[in-house]
Amino acid sequence: MKNRRSMTLLAGALLLVLAATPASADHATTYQADLQPLNDSGVTATADLSLADRELEITINAEGLAPGQPHAQHIHGVTGETSACPGPDADQDGDGLVSTAEGVPSYGGVLQSLTTEGDTSGDSALAVDRFPVAGDDGSVSYSRTFELPQDVADDLGNLHLVLHGIDLDDSGAYDGDAVSSLDDSLPLEATIPAACGTLAAMPSGGVQTGAGGTAPADGGATPMVALFGLGLLGTGALVARRRREARIER
């Protein structure tokens, strides 16, 4: 009876050890986007995003942009609804171009402005002086961490990343008679969408590897703790068996 009670106590102790072991912090959800050209811009880009709670870390690497010009970049969408990158049929006025306003029915309005500093809300959608400027080779490397509103964080995998700005006449500047569909004080070239991509959630799970063994992907007790607990049970069983053998010998 005592031996059985000892085993029960040891098993209970193991459960307490496992329950008291703090779970690892929730892993961030990762997203990626592969941006394809709009309006024959030749612009391509990739984006990597990591979201933990509401904190978003985003990196964008783009090529083919207008050298020396600022490029607005936004997270577009309508939370709770499915959006898409616009096709050529989004051109409603027949000018052969899809303006930002013509693209809105497809990819939705601006939810987040990916500025280099300051505000990141939709209010900064046209903050031209706070968007990254392409280098002489037409590339942009952008990285920033900021907090998202809860509704945007919850629906990030249904949203789209859009880069804006095309030097349509290769003049080396945003100019021309056509005005932006968003602000007639800006030329069309400054705000026209250049590339678009879906923010797709990457599969989670699997086994993380590293020094000292593997870690479970579900944030449960570590293998070391489990082995420690099994060791306790094994030790208890060995002690109980030796006590039985000692009583038999006596």
Foldseek 3Di string as FASTA:
>chain_A
DVLVVLLVVLVVVLVVLQVPPFFDAAFWWKWKKWKDWFLPQPKTKIKIWTADQFKIKMKMKMASAQAQFFKKKAKFADQPDAAAFDDQVLPDVPPSAQAPVSRCVHQNAGAFTQFQDDGTGSVCRPVRVGGDGAHPRRIDIDIDMDGHDNSCSVRVQRIKMWMAAGPVVSPSDQDDDDAHPVDRVGHRRRGGTTIMIGTHTDDFFDWDDDPPGIAGRVRGDGPVSVVVSVVSSVVSVVVSVVVVVVVVVD
